[in-house]
PDB file of N, CA and C in Angstrom:
ATOM      1  N   MET A   1       0.876  -1.110  -0.047  1.00  0.00           N
ATOM      2  CA  MET A   1      -0.245   0.128  -0.440  1.00  0.00           C
ATOM      3  C   MET A   1       1.219   1.428  -0.014  1.00  0.00           C
ATOM      4  N   ILE A   2       0.498   2.554  -0.735  1.00  0.00           N
ATOM      5  CA  ILE A   2       1.493   3.604  -0.566  1.00  0.00           C
ATOM      6  C   ILE A   2       0.682   4.521  -0.544  1.00  0.00           C
ATOM      7  N   ARG A   3       0.577   5.166   0.472  1.00  0.00           N
ATOM      8  CA  ARG A   3      -0.047   6.563   0.499  1.00  0.00           C
ATOM      9  C   ARG A   3       0.748   7.625   0.263  1.00  0.00           C
ATOM     10  N   LYS A   4       0.287   8.901  -0.244  1.00  0.00           N
ATOM     11  CA  LYS A   4       1.119   9.843  -1.018  1.00  0.00           C
ATOM     12  C   LYS A   4       0.309  11.228  -0.479  1.00  0.00           C
ATOM     13  N   PHE A   5       1.360  12.065  -0.146  1.00  0.00           N
ATOM     14  CA  PHE A   5       0.757  13.324   0.381  1.00  0.00           C
ATOM     15  C   PHE A   5       1.637  14.657  -0.294  1.00  0.00           C
ATOM     16  N   THR A   6       0.931  15.669  -0.529  1.00  0.00           N
ATOM     17  CA  THR A   6       1.491  16.941  -1.130  1.00  0.00           C
ATOM     18  C   THR A   6       1.156  17.919   0.321  1.00  0.00           C
ATOM     19  N   LEU A   7       2.832  18.405   0.882  1.00  0.00           N
ATOM     20  CA  LEU A   7       2.206  19.418   2.040  1.00  0.00           C
ATOM     21  C   LEU A   7       3.488  20.544   1.619  1.00  0.00           C
ATOM     22  N   GLU A   8       2.926  21.665   2.493  1.00  0.00           N
ATOM     23  CA  GLU A   8       3.904  22.724   2.801  1.00  0.00           C
ATOM     24  C   GLU A   8       5.120  22.141   3.073  1.00  0.00           C
ATOM     25  N   LEU A   9       6.050  23.242   2.636  1.00  0.00           N
ATOM     26  CA  LEU A   9       7.673  23.017   3.055  1.00  0.00           C
ATOM     27  C   LEU A   9       7.203  23.025   5.011  1.00  0.00           C
ATOM     28  N   PRO A  10       7.783  22.248   5.463  1.00  0.00           N
ATOM     29  CA  PRO A  10       8.294  22.508   6.776  1.00  0.00           C
ATOM     30  C   PRO A  10       9.229  23.728   7.329  1.00  0.00           C
ATOM     31  N   PRO A  11       8.923  23.886   8.703  1.00  0.00           N
ATOM     32  CA  PRO A  11      10.053  25.445   8.918  1.00  0.00           C
ATOM     33  C   PRO A  11      11.367  24.736   9.039  1.00  0.00           C
ATOM     34  N   THR A  12      12.282  25.576   8.713  1.00  0.00           N
ATOM     35  CA  THR A  12      13.526  25.399   8.563  1.00  0.00           C
ATOM     36  C   THR A  12      14.139  25.159  10.059  1.00  0.00           C
ATOM     37  N   THR A  13      15.100  24.367  10.224  1.00  0.00           N
ATOM     38  CA  THR A  13      15.765  23.908  11.244  1.00  0.00           C
ATOM     39  C   THR A  13      15.808  25.006  12.831  1.00  0.00           C
ATOM     40  N   ASN A  14      16.225  25.950  11.977  1.00  0.00           N
ATOM     41  CA  ASN A  14      16.396  27.457  13.046  1.00  0.00           C
ATOM     42  C   ASN A  14      15.389  27.536  13.420  1.00  0.00           C
ATOM     43  N   ASN A  15      14.306  27.358  12.988  1.00  0.00           N
ATOM     44  CA  ASN A  15      12.645  28.196  13.225  1.00  0.00           C
ATOM     45  C   ASN A  15      11.930  26.661  13.625  1.00  0.00           C
ATOM     46  N   LEU A  16      12.469  25.278  14.053  1.00  0.00           N
ATOM     47  CA  LEU A  16      11.866  24.355  14.498  1.00  0.00           C
ATOM     48  C   LEU A  16      11.874  24.057  16.479  1.00  0.00           C
ATOM     49  N   TYR A  17      12.564  24.584  16.772  1.00  0.00           N
ATOM     50  CA  TYR A  17      13.097  24.150  18.454  1.00  0.00           C
ATOM     51  C   TYR A  17      13.621  25.359  19.259  1.00  0.00           C
ATOM     52  N   ARG A  18      13.046  25.464  20.022  1.00  0.00           N
ATOM     53  CA  ARG A  18      13.503  26.757  21.048  1.00  0.00           C
ATOM     54  C   ARG A  18      14.098  25.907  22.631  1.00  0.00           C
ATOM     55  N   ALA A  19      15.187  26.569  23.192  1.00  0.00           N
ATOM     56  CA  ALA A  19      15.445  25.752  24.733  1.00  0.00           C
ATOM     57  C   ALA A  19      14.715  26.889  25.753  1.00  0.00           C
ATOM     58  N   ALA A  20      14.359  25.911  26.810  1.00  0.00           N
ATOM     59  CA  ALA A  20      14.225  26.096  28.029  1.00  0.00           C
ATOM     60  C   ALA A  20      15.065  25.849  28.938  1.00  0.00           C
ATOM     61  N   HIS A  21      15.520  26.506  30.003  1.00  0.00           N
ATOM     62  CA  HIS A  21      16.185  26.058  31.239  1.00  0.00           C
ATOM     63  C   HIS A  21      15.429  25.974  32.424  1.00  0.00           C
ATOM     64  N   ARG A  22      15.449  25.081  33.285  1.00  0.00           N
ATOM     65  CA  ARG A  22      14.664  25.115  34.563  1.00  0.00           C
ATOM     66  C   ARG A  22      15.747  23.956  34.928  1.00  0.00           C
ATOM     67  N   GLY A  23      15.977  24.464  36.665  1.00  0.00           N
ATOM     68  CA  GLY A  23      16.512  23.580  37.207  1.00  0.00           C
ATOM     69  C   GLY A  23      17.622  23.216  37.002  1.00  0.00           C
ATOM     70  N   GLY A  24      18.586  23.723  36.454  1.00  0.00           N
ATOM     71  CA  GLY A  24      19.927  23.093  35.975  1.00  0.00           C
ATOM     72  C   GLY A  24      19.573  22.503  34.531  1.00  0.00           C
ATOM     73  N   ARG A  25      18.374  22.091  34.209  1.00  0.00           N
ATOM     74  CA  ARG A  25      18.473  21.232  33.005  1.00  0.00           C
ATOM     75  C   ARG A  25      17.608  22.253  31.819  1.00  0.00           C
ATOM     76  N   THR A  26      18.165  21.436  30.757  1.00  0.00           N
ATOM     77  CA  THR A  26      17.919  22.124  29.597  1.00  0.00           C
ATOM     78  C   THR A  26      16.680  21.797  28.369  1.00  0.00           C
ATOM     79  N   TYR A  27      15.637  22.018  28.637  1.00  0.00           N
ATOM     80  CA  TYR A  27      14.377  21.260  27.704  1.00  0.00           C
ATOM     81  C   TYR A  27      14.197  21.875  26.362  1.00  0.00           C
ATOM     82  N   GLN A  28      14.298  20.975  25.143  1.00  0.00           N
ATOM     83  CA  GLN A  28      13.754  21.559  23.967  1.00  0.00           C
ATOM     84  C   GLN A  28      12.554  21.500  23.456  1.00  0.00           C
ATOM     85  N   TYR A  29      11.672  22.421  23.099  1.00  0.00           N
ATOM     86  CA  TYR A  29      10.597  22.672  22.684  1.00  0.00           C
ATOM     87  C   TYR A  29       9.876  22.882  21.320  1.00  0.00           C
ATOM     88  N   LEU A  30       9.304  22.356  20.496  1.00  0.00           N
ATOM     89  CA  LEU A  30       8.394  22.827  19.005  1.00  0.00           C
ATOM     90  C   LEU A  30       7.841  24.550  19.562  1.00  0.00           C
ATOM     91  N   THR A  31       8.780  25.171  18.432  1.00  0.00           N
ATOM     92  CA  THR A  31       7.843  26.582  18.356  1.00  0.00           C
ATOM     93  C   THR A  31       6.526  26.457  17.688  1.00  0.00           C
ATOM     94  N   GLY A  32       5.975  27.673  18.114  1.00  0.00           N
ATOM     95  CA  GLY A  32       4.704  28.062  17.587  1.00  0.00           C
ATOM     96  C   GLY A  32       4.589  27.476  16.127  1.00  0.00           C
ATOM     97  N   GLU A  33       5.500  28.216  15.373  1.00  0.00           N
ATOM     98  CA  GLU A  33       5.321  27.941  13.983  1.00  0.00           C
ATOM     99  C   GLU A  33       5.385  26.562  13.798  1.00  0.00           C
ATOM    100  N   ALA A  34       6.526  25.897  14.497  1.00  0.00           N
ATOM    101  CA  ALA A  34       6.569  24.372  13.981  1.00  0.00           C
ATOM    102  C   ALA A  34       5.294  23.396  14.289  1.00  0.00           C
ATOM    103  N   ARG A  35       4.789  23.632  15.479  1.00  0.00           N
ATOM    104  CA  ARG A  35       3.451  23.212  16.177  1.00  0.00           C
ATOM    105  C   ARG A  35       2.588  22.957  15.661  1.00  0.00           C
ATOM    106  N   ALA A  36       2.174  24.579  14.444  1.00  0.00           N
ATOM    107  CA  ALA A  36       1.187  24.677  13.809  1.00  0.00           C
ATOM    108  C   ALA A  36       1.191  24.033  12.360  1.00  0.00           C
ATOM    109  N   TRP A  37       2.738  23.806  12.009  1.00  0.00           N
ATOM    110  CA  TRP A  37       3.227  23.140  10.741  1.00  0.00           C
ATOM    111  C   TRP A  37       2.477  21.708  10.497  1.00  0.00           C
ATOM    112  N   LYS A  38       3.164  21.001  11.921  1.00  0.00           N
ATOM    113  CA  LYS A  38       2.854  20.121  12.151  1.00  0.00           C
ATOM    114  C   LYS A  38       1.479  19.237  12.267  1.00  0.00           C
ATOM    115  N   GLU A  39       0.360  20.063  13.005  1.00  0.00           N
ATOM    116  CA  GLU A  39      -0.996  20.020  12.961  1.00  0.00           C
ATOM    117  C   GLU A  39      -1.723  20.078  12.022  1.00  0.00           C
ATOM    118  N   ALA A  40      -0.958  21.357  10.963  1.00  0.00           N
ATOM    119  CA  ALA A  40      -1.659  21.446   9.757  1.00  0.00           C
ATOM    120  C   ALA A  40      -1.544  20.161   8.738  1.00  0.00           C
ATOM    121  N   ALA A  41       0.060  19.764   8.828  1.00  0.00           N
ATOM    122  CA  ALA A  41       0.315  18.121   7.724  1.00  0.00           C
ATOM    123  C   ALA A  41      -0.254  17.210   8.520  1.00  0.00           C
ATOM    124  N   GLN A  42      -0.711  16.606   9.976  1.00  0.00           N
ATOM    125  CA  GLN A  42      -1.198  15.844  10.071  1.00  0.00           C
ATOM    126  C   GLN A  42      -2.648  15.904  10.216  1.00  0.00           C
ATOM    127  N   TRP A  43      -3.513  17.099  10.016  1.00  0.00           N
ATOM    128  CA  TRP A  43      -4.792  17.225   9.236  1.00  0.00           C
ATOM    129  C   TRP A  43      -4.931  17.018   7.517  1.00  0.00           C
ATOM    130  N   GLU A  44      -3.781  17.311   7.169  1.00  0.00           N
ATOM    131  CA  GLU A  44      -3.772  16.956   5.703  1.00  0.00           C
ATOM    132  C   GLU A  44      -3.512  15.531   5.746  1.00  0.00           C
ATOM    133  N   MET A  45      -2.809  14.714   6.125  1.00  0.00           N
ATOM    134  CA  MET A  45      -2.861  13.305   5.726  1.00  0.00           C
ATOM    135  C   MET A  45      -3.657  12.420   6.349  1.00  0.00           C
ATOM    136  N   LYS A  46      -4.585  13.189   7.054  1.00  0.00           N
ATOM    137  CA  LYS A  46      -5.925  12.332   7.661  1.00  0.00           C
ATOM    138  C   LYS A  46      -7.149  12.321   6.460  1.00  0.00           C
ATOM    139  N   ASP A  47      -6.510  11.336   5.882  1.00  0.00           N
ATOM    140  CA  ASP A  47      -7.287  11.506   4.443  1.00  0.00           C
ATOM    141  C   ASP A  47      -8.685  10.614   4.860  1.00  0.00           C
ATOM    142  N   GLY A  48      -8.964  10.128   5.601  1.00  0.00           N
ATOM    143  CA  GLY A  48     -10.435   9.449   5.683  1.00  0.00           C
ATOM    144  C   GLY A  48     -10.323   8.233   5.996  1.00  0.00           C
ATOM    145  N   ARG A  49      -8.833   7.712   5.679  1.00  0.00           N
ATOM    146  CA  ARG A  49      -8.667   6.620   6.133  1.00  0.00           C
ATOM    147  C   ARG A  49      -8.304   6.239   7.546  1.00  0.00           C
ATOM    148  N   CYS A  50      -9.022   5.337   8.457  1.00  0.00           N
ATOM    149  CA  CYS A  50      -9.015   5.137   9.802  1.00  0.00           C
ATOM    150  C   CYS A  50      -7.858   4.635  10.646  1.00  0.00           C
ATOM    151  N   ARG A  51      -7.739   3.306   9.207  1.00  0.00           N
ATOM    152  CA  ARG A  51      -6.385   2.491  10.105  1.00  0.00           C
ATOM    153  C   ARG A  51      -5.110   3.332   9.772  1.00  0.00           C
ATOM    154  N   LEU A  52      -4.321   3.324  10.838  1.00  0.00           N
ATOM    155  CA  LEU A  52      -2.932   3.699  10.967  1.00  0.00           C
ATOM    156  C   LEU A  52      -2.013   2.229  10.848  1.00  0.00           C
ATOM    157  N   ILE A  53      -1.339   2.550   9.978  1.00  0.00           N
ATOM    158  CA  ILE A  53      -0.207   1.466   9.134  1.00  0.00           C
ATOM    159  C   ILE A  53       0.535   0.811  10.510  1.00  0.00           C
ATOM    160  N   GLU A  54       0.657  -0.153  10.989  1.00  0.00           N
ATOM    161  CA  GLU A  54       0.928  -0.645  12.378  1.00  0.00           C
ATOM    162  C   GLU A  54       2.420  -1.024  11.813  1.00  0.00           C
ATOM    163  N   GLY A  55       2.597  -1.755  11.063  1.00  0.00           N
ATOM    164  CA  GLY A  55       3.975  -2.434  10.701  1.00  0.00           C
ATOM    165  C   GLY A  55       5.151  -1.583  10.071  1.00  0.00           C
ATOM    166  N   PRO A  56       6.482  -1.981   9.963  1.00  0.00           N
ATOM    167  CA  PRO A  56       7.196  -1.401   8.887  1.00  0.00           C
ATOM    168  C   PRO A  56       7.114  -0.575   8.026  1.00  0.00           C
ATOM    169  N   VAL A  57       7.398   1.061   7.583  1.00  0.00           N
ATOM    170  CA  VAL A  57       7.180   1.794   6.248  1.00  0.00           C
ATOM    171  C   VAL A  57       8.446   2.188   5.958  1.00  0.00           C
ATOM    172  N   GLU A  58       8.448   2.582   4.723  1.00  0.00           N
ATOM    173  CA  GLU A  58       9.375   3.227   4.059  1.00  0.00           C
ATOM    174  C   GLU A  58       8.783   4.296   3.278  1.00  0.00           C
ATOM    175  N   VAL A  59      10.204   5.603   3.750  1.00  0.00           N
ATOM    176  CA  VAL A  59       8.950   6.525   3.531  1.00  0.00           C
ATOM    177  C   VAL A  59      10.372   7.278   2.448  1.00  0.00           C
ATOM    178  N   VAL A  60       9.533   8.049   1.315  1.00  0.00           N
ATOM    179  CA  VAL A  60      10.349   8.775   0.492  1.00  0.00           C
ATOM    180  C   VAL A  60       9.927  10.552   0.582  1.00  0.00           C
ATOM    181  N   ALA A  61      11.012  11.150   0.486  1.00  0.00           N
ATOM    182  CA  ALA A  61      10.545  12.783   0.585  1.00  0.00           C
ATOM    183  C   ALA A  61      10.991  13.393  -0.267  1.00  0.00           C
ATOM    184  N   THR A  62      10.549  14.014  -1.164  1.00  0.00           N
ATOM    185  CA  THR A  62      11.073  14.945  -2.093  1.00  0.00           C
ATOM    186  C   THR A  62      10.919  16.257  -2.173  1.00  0.00           C
ATOM    187  N   PHE A  63      11.745  16.797  -1.530  1.00  0.00           N
ATOM    188  CA  PHE A  63      11.616  18.562  -1.408  1.00  0.00           C
ATOM    189  C   PHE A  63      11.576  19.478  -2.924  1.00  0.00           C
ATOM    190  N   TYR A  64      10.586  19.995  -3.285  1.00  0.00           N
ATOM    191  CA  TYR A  64      10.362  21.240  -4.459  1.00  0.00           C
ATOM    192  C   TYR A  64      11.287  22.410  -3.726  1.00  0.00           C
ATOM    193  N   LEU A  65      12.254  22.880  -3.807  1.00  0.00           N
ATOM    194  CA  LEU A  65      12.612  24.291  -3.354  1.00  0.00           C
ATOM    195  C   LEU A  65      12.654  25.431  -4.070  1.00  0.00           C
ATOM    196  N   LYS A  66      12.373  26.582  -3.602  1.00  0.00           N
ATOM    197  CA  LYS A  66      12.782  27.962  -4.559  1.00  0.00           C
ATOM    198  C   LYS A  66      14.292  27.518  -4.830  1.00  0.00           C
ATOM    199  N   ARG A  67      15.191  27.712  -3.862  1.00  0.00           N
ATOM    200  CA  ARG A  67      16.469  27.720  -3.908  1.00  0.00           C
ATOM    201  C   ARG A  67      17.423  26.237  -3.233  1.00  0.00           C
ATOM    202  N   ASP A  68      18.467  26.305  -4.038  1.00  0.00           N
ATOM    203  CA  ASP A  68      18.960  25.043  -3.364  1.00  0.00           C
ATOM    204  C   ASP A  68      19.571  25.241  -1.774  1.00  0.00           C
ATOM    205  N   ARG A  69      18.682  24.514  -0.684  1.00  0.00           N
ATOM    206  CA  ARG A  69      19.129  24.753   0.809  1.00  0.00           C
ATOM    207  C   ARG A  69      19.226  23.174   1.277  1.00  0.00           C
ATOM    208  N   ASP A  70      19.675  23.122   2.517  1.00  0.00           N
ATOM    209  CA  ASP A  70      19.767  22.291   3.301  1.00  0.00           C
ATOM    210  C   ASP A  70      18.337  21.258   3.570  1.00  0.00           C
ATOM    211  N   VAL A  71      18.193  20.154   3.364  1.00  0.00           N
ATOM    212  CA  VAL A  71      16.845  19.370   4.144  1.00  0.00           C
ATOM    213  C   VAL A  71      17.107  18.879   5.032  1.00  0.00           C
ATOM    214  N   ASP A  72      17.135  19.518   6.113  1.00  0.00           N
ATOM    215  CA  ASP A  72      17.922  18.982   7.327  1.00  0.00           C
ATOM    216  C   ASP A  72      16.818  19.300   8.162  1.00  0.00           C
ATOM    217  N   ASN A  73      15.495  18.877   7.894  1.00  0.00           N
ATOM    218  CA  ASN A  73      14.107  19.581   9.276  1.00  0.00           C
ATOM    219  C   ASN A  73      13.175  18.133   8.762  1.00  0.00           C
ATOM    220  N   LEU A  74      14.035  16.633   8.472  1.00  0.00           N
ATOM    221  CA  LEU A  74      13.015  16.103   8.447  1.00  0.00           C
ATOM    222  C   LEU A  74      12.471  15.386   9.441  1.00  0.00           C
ATOM    223  N   LYS A  75      13.076  15.257  10.722  1.00  0.00           N
ATOM    224  CA  LYS A  75      12.783  14.887  12.081  1.00  0.00           C
ATOM    225  C   LYS A  75      11.036  15.637  12.004  1.00  0.00           C
ATOM    226  N   ILE A  76      11.052  16.428  11.565  1.00  0.00           N
ATOM    227  CA  ILE A  76       9.321  17.231  11.832  1.00  0.00           C
ATOM    228  C   ILE A  76       8.375  16.349  10.837  1.00  0.00           C
ATOM    229  N   LEU A  77       8.988  15.928   9.658  1.00  0.00           N
ATOM    230  CA  LEU A  77       8.242  15.149   8.904  1.00  0.00           C
ATOM    231  C   LEU A  77       7.942  13.850   9.096  1.00  0.00           C
ATOM    232  N   ILE A  78       9.010  13.544   9.980  1.00  0.00           N
ATOM    233  CA  ILE A  78       8.725  11.636  10.162  1.00  0.00           C
ATOM    234  C   ILE A  78       7.701  12.279  11.743  1.00  0.00           C
ATOM    235  N   ASP A  79       8.048  12.878  12.604  1.00  0.00           N
ATOM    236  CA  ASP A  79       7.098  13.038  13.501  1.00  0.00           C
ATOM    237  C   ASP A  79       5.495  13.583  13.226  1.00  0.00           C
ATOM    238  N   SER A  80       5.613  14.043  12.035  1.00  0.00           N
ATOM    239  CA  SER A  80       3.883  14.061  11.674  1.00  0.00           C
ATOM    240  C   SER A  80       3.177  13.312  11.267  1.00  0.00           C
ATOM    241  N   LEU A  81       3.920  11.959  11.008  1.00  0.00           N
ATOM    242  CA  LEU A  81       3.355  10.957  10.242  1.00  0.00           C
ATOM    243  C   LEU A  81       2.357  10.537  11.428  1.00  0.00           C
ATOM    244  N   GLU A  82       3.330  10.240  12.764  1.00  0.00           N
ATOM    245  CA  GLU A  82       2.655   9.535  13.880  1.00  0.00           C
ATOM    246  C   GLU A  82       1.648   9.882  13.780  1.00  0.00           C
ATOM    247  N   GLY A  83       0.655   9.440  14.264  1.00  0.00           N
ATOM    248  CA  GLY A  83      -1.056   9.474  14.382  1.00  0.00           C
ATOM    249  C   GLY A  83      -1.750   9.950  13.471  1.00  0.00           C
ATOM    250  N   ALA A  84      -0.985  10.133  12.299  1.00  0.00           N
ATOM    251  CA  ALA A  84      -1.742  10.590  11.538  1.00  0.00           C
ATOM    252  C   ALA A  84      -2.016   9.280  10.063  1.00  0.00           C
ATOM    253  N   VAL A  85      -0.720   8.710  10.293  1.00  0.00           N
ATOM    254  CA  VAL A  85      -0.755   8.023   9.048  1.00  0.00           C
ATOM    255  C   VAL A  85       0.060   6.463   9.833  1.00  0.00           C
ATOM    256  N   ILE A  86       0.798   6.377  10.504  1.00  0.00           N
ATOM    257  CA  ILE A  86       1.733   5.388  11.047  1.00  0.00           C
ATOM    258  C   ILE A  86       1.679   5.594  12.512  1.00  0.00           C
ATOM    259  N   ALA A  87       1.573   4.202  13.201  1.00  0.00           N
ATOM    260  CA  ALA A  87       1.260   4.409  14.610  1.00  0.00           C
ATOM    261  C   ALA A  87       2.011   5.041  15.526  1.00  0.00           C
ATOM    262  N   ASN A  88       3.705   4.768  15.103  1.00  0.00           N
ATOM    263  CA  ASN A  88       4.687   5.257  16.241  1.00  0.00           C
ATOM    264  C   ASN A  88       6.010   5.478  14.904  1.00  0.00           C
ATOM    265  N   ASP A  89       6.713   6.451  15.083  1.00  0.00           N
ATOM    266  CA  ASP A  89       7.764   6.606  14.031  1.00  0.00           C
ATOM    267  C   ASP A  89       9.120   5.692  14.285  1.00  0.00           C
ATOM    268  N   ARG A  90       8.780   5.120  14.885  1.00  0.00           N
ATOM    269  CA  ARG A  90       9.763   4.314  14.515  1.00  0.00           C
ATOM    270  C   ARG A  90       9.823   3.207  13.756  1.00  0.00           C
ATOM    271  N   GLN A  91       8.339   2.933  13.488  1.00  0.00           N
ATOM    272  CA  GLN A  91       8.454   1.990  12.330  1.00  0.00           C
ATOM    273  C   GLN A  91       8.899   2.266  10.776  1.00  0.00           C
ATOM    274  N   VAL A  92       9.749   3.485  10.788  1.00  0.00           N
ATOM    275  CA  VAL A  92      10.638   4.049   9.670  1.00  0.00           C
ATOM    276  C   VAL A  92      11.367   3.328   9.582  1.00  0.00           C
ATOM    277  N   GLU A  93      11.695   1.948   8.571  1.00  0.00           N
ATOM    278  CA  GLU A  93      13.005   1.574   8.417  1.00  0.00           C
ATOM    279  C   GLU A  93      13.775   1.971   7.229  1.00  0.00           C
ATOM    280  N   ALA A  94      13.430   2.641   6.073  1.00  0.00           N
ATOM    281  CA  ALA A  94      13.893   3.259   5.707  1.00  0.00           C
ATOM    282  C   ALA A  94      13.286   4.981   5.363  1.00  0.00           C
ATOM    283  N   LEU A  95      14.770   5.402   4.610  1.00  0.00           N
ATOM    284  CA  LEU A  95      14.182   7.123   4.405  1.00  0.00           C
ATOM    285  C   LEU A  95      14.952   7.575   3.137  1.00  0.00           C
ATOM    286  N   HIS A  96      14.307   7.873   2.235  1.00  0.00           N
ATOM    287  CA  HIS A  96      14.794   8.209   0.868  1.00  0.00           C
ATOM    288  C   HIS A  96      14.768  10.082   0.657  1.00  0.00           C
ATOM    289  N   VAL A  97      15.252  10.969   0.676  1.00  0.00           N
ATOM    290  CA  VAL A  97      15.533  11.707   0.347  1.00  0.00           C
ATOM    291  C   VAL A  97      15.853  12.647  -0.871  1.00  0.00           C
ATOM    292  N   PHE A  98      15.244  13.386  -1.558  1.00  0.00           N
ATOM    293  CA  PHE A  98      15.502  13.777  -2.830  1.00  0.00           C
ATOM    294  C   PHE A  98      15.201  15.619  -2.681  1.00  0.00           C
ATOM    295  N   LYS A  99      15.717  16.132  -3.640  1.00  0.00           N
ATOM    296  CA  LYS A  99      15.480  17.545  -3.818  1.00  0.00           C
ATOM    297  C   LYS A  99      15.691  18.009  -5.342  1.00  0.00           C
ATOM    298  N   HIS A 100      14.330  18.778  -5.577  1.00  0.00           N
ATOM    299  CA  HIS A 100      14.582  19.920  -6.690  1.00  0.00           C
ATOM    300  C   HIS A 100      14.528  21.093  -6.477  1.00  0.00           C
ATOM    301  N   LYS A 101      14.564  21.687  -7.739  1.00  0.00           N
ATOM    302  CA  LYS A 101      14.336  23.231  -7.581  1.00  0.00           C
ATOM    303  C   LYS A 101      12.619  23.274  -8.274  1.00  0.00           C
ATOM    304  N   ASP A 102      11.819  24.291  -7.821  1.00  0.00           N
ATOM    305  CA  ASP A 102      10.934  24.509  -8.249  1.00  0.00           C
ATOM    306  C   ASP A 102      10.531  26.064  -7.628  1.00  0.00           C
ATOM    307  N   ALA A 103      10.814  26.950  -8.080  1.00  0.00           N
ATOM    308  CA  ALA A 103      10.271  28.313  -7.509  1.00  0.00           C
ATOM    309  C   ALA A 103       9.031  28.729  -7.547  1.00  0.00           C
ATOM    310  N   LYS A 104       8.661  28.147  -8.244  1.00  0.00           N
ATOM    311  CA  LYS A 104       6.772  28.336  -8.422  1.00  0.00           C
ATOM    312  C   LYS A 104       6.162  28.113  -7.737  1.00  0.00           C
ATOM    313  N   LYS A 105       6.691  26.627  -7.185  1.00  0.00           N
ATOM    314  CA  LYS A 105       5.761  26.102  -6.450  1.00  0.00           C
ATOM    315  C   LYS A 105       6.704  25.071  -5.160  1.00  0.00           C
ATOM    316  N   PRO A 106       6.733  25.921  -4.615  1.00  0.00           N
ATOM    317  CA  PRO A 106       7.642  24.818  -3.458  1.00  0.00           C
ATOM    318  C   PRO A 106       6.610  24.136  -2.671  1.00  0.00           C
ATOM    319  N   ARG A 107       7.225  23.185  -2.142  1.00  0.00           N
ATOM    320  CA  ARG A 107       6.713  21.565  -1.425  1.00  0.00           C
ATOM    321  C   ARG A 107       7.096  20.788  -1.454  1.00  0.00           C
ATOM    322  N   VAL A 108       6.669  19.967  -0.040  1.00  0.00           N
ATOM    323  CA  VAL A 108       7.245  18.478  -0.110  1.00  0.00           C
ATOM    324  C   VAL A 108       6.474  17.406  -0.364  1.00  0.00           C
ATOM    325  N   VAL A 109       6.637  16.461  -1.272  1.00  0.00           N
ATOM    326  CA  VAL A 109       5.619  15.210  -1.311  1.00  0.00           C
ATOM    327  C   VAL A 109       6.113  14.299  -0.350  1.00  0.00           C
ATOM    328  N   LEU A 110       5.493  13.378   0.528  1.00  0.00           N
ATOM    329  CA  LEU A 110       5.815  12.473   0.722  1.00  0.00           C
ATOM    330  C   LEU A 110       5.051  11.153   0.516  1.00  0.00           C
ATOM    331  N   GLU A 111       5.820   9.873   0.356  1.00  0.00           N
ATOM    332  CA  GLU A 111       5.200   8.663   0.024  1.00  0.00           C
ATOM    333  C   GLU A 111       5.771   7.946   1.236  1.00  0.00           C
ATOM    334  N   VAL A 112       4.362   6.946   1.384  1.00  0.00           N
ATOM    335  CA  VAL A 112       4.806   6.014   2.579  1.00  0.00           C
ATOM    336  C   VAL A 112       4.265   4.754   1.976  1.00  0.00           C
ATOM    337  N   TYR A 113       5.672   4.007   2.218  1.00  0.00           N
ATOM    338  CA  TYR A 113       4.895   2.554   1.750  1.00  0.00           C
ATOM    339  C   TYR A 113       4.937   1.657   3.216  1.00  0.00           C
ATOM    340  N   GLU A 114       3.669   0.901   2.932  1.00  0.00           N
ATOM    341  CA  GLU A 114       3.906  -0.469   4.094  1.00  0.00           C
ATOM    342  C   GLU A 114       4.927  -1.598   3.294  1.00  0.00           C
ATOM    343  N   LEU A 115       5.738  -1.908   4.410  1.00  0.00           N
ATOM    344  CA  LEU A 115       6.359  -2.469   4.055  1.00  0.00           C
ATOM    345  C   LEU A 115       6.200  -4.091   4.720  1.00  0.00           C
ATOM    346  N   GLU A 116       6.521  -5.345   3.760  1.00  0.00           N
ATOM    347  CA  GLU A 116       6.109  -6.963   4.650  1.00  0.00           C
ATOM    348  C   GLU A 116       7.077  -6.904   5.838  1.00  0.00           C
ATOM    349  N   GLU A 117       6.306  -7.502   6.869  1.00  0.00           N
ATOM    350  CA  GLU A 117       6.867  -7.773   8.344  1.00  0.00           C
ATOM    351  C   GLU A 117       7.861  -8.988   8.299  1.00  0.00           C
TER     352      GLU A 117
END
């Protein structure tokens, strides 16, 4: 089974997390921008199919970018699958990442393939 989604580009890595310090410990948390993107992406991926994939998956992420930049914000993409398409992000056994230029319509296309157990 394949599930394919076209999403807006996630925030850049510099805009994903902030740090807070309490009791001598440092905690990281998602920024408001990152939380909003993740929630919107999860709503987009909940396409009426109630069943979450429970077994191993392979994910293909293809970024279409206005300009050449890093695609190191993969964590939020994989995290957004959890609860919308897959039960747990530990199910991702293979991840393939591609990038292309498309100045007119920047986006990321996610393909999730259910693997045999």
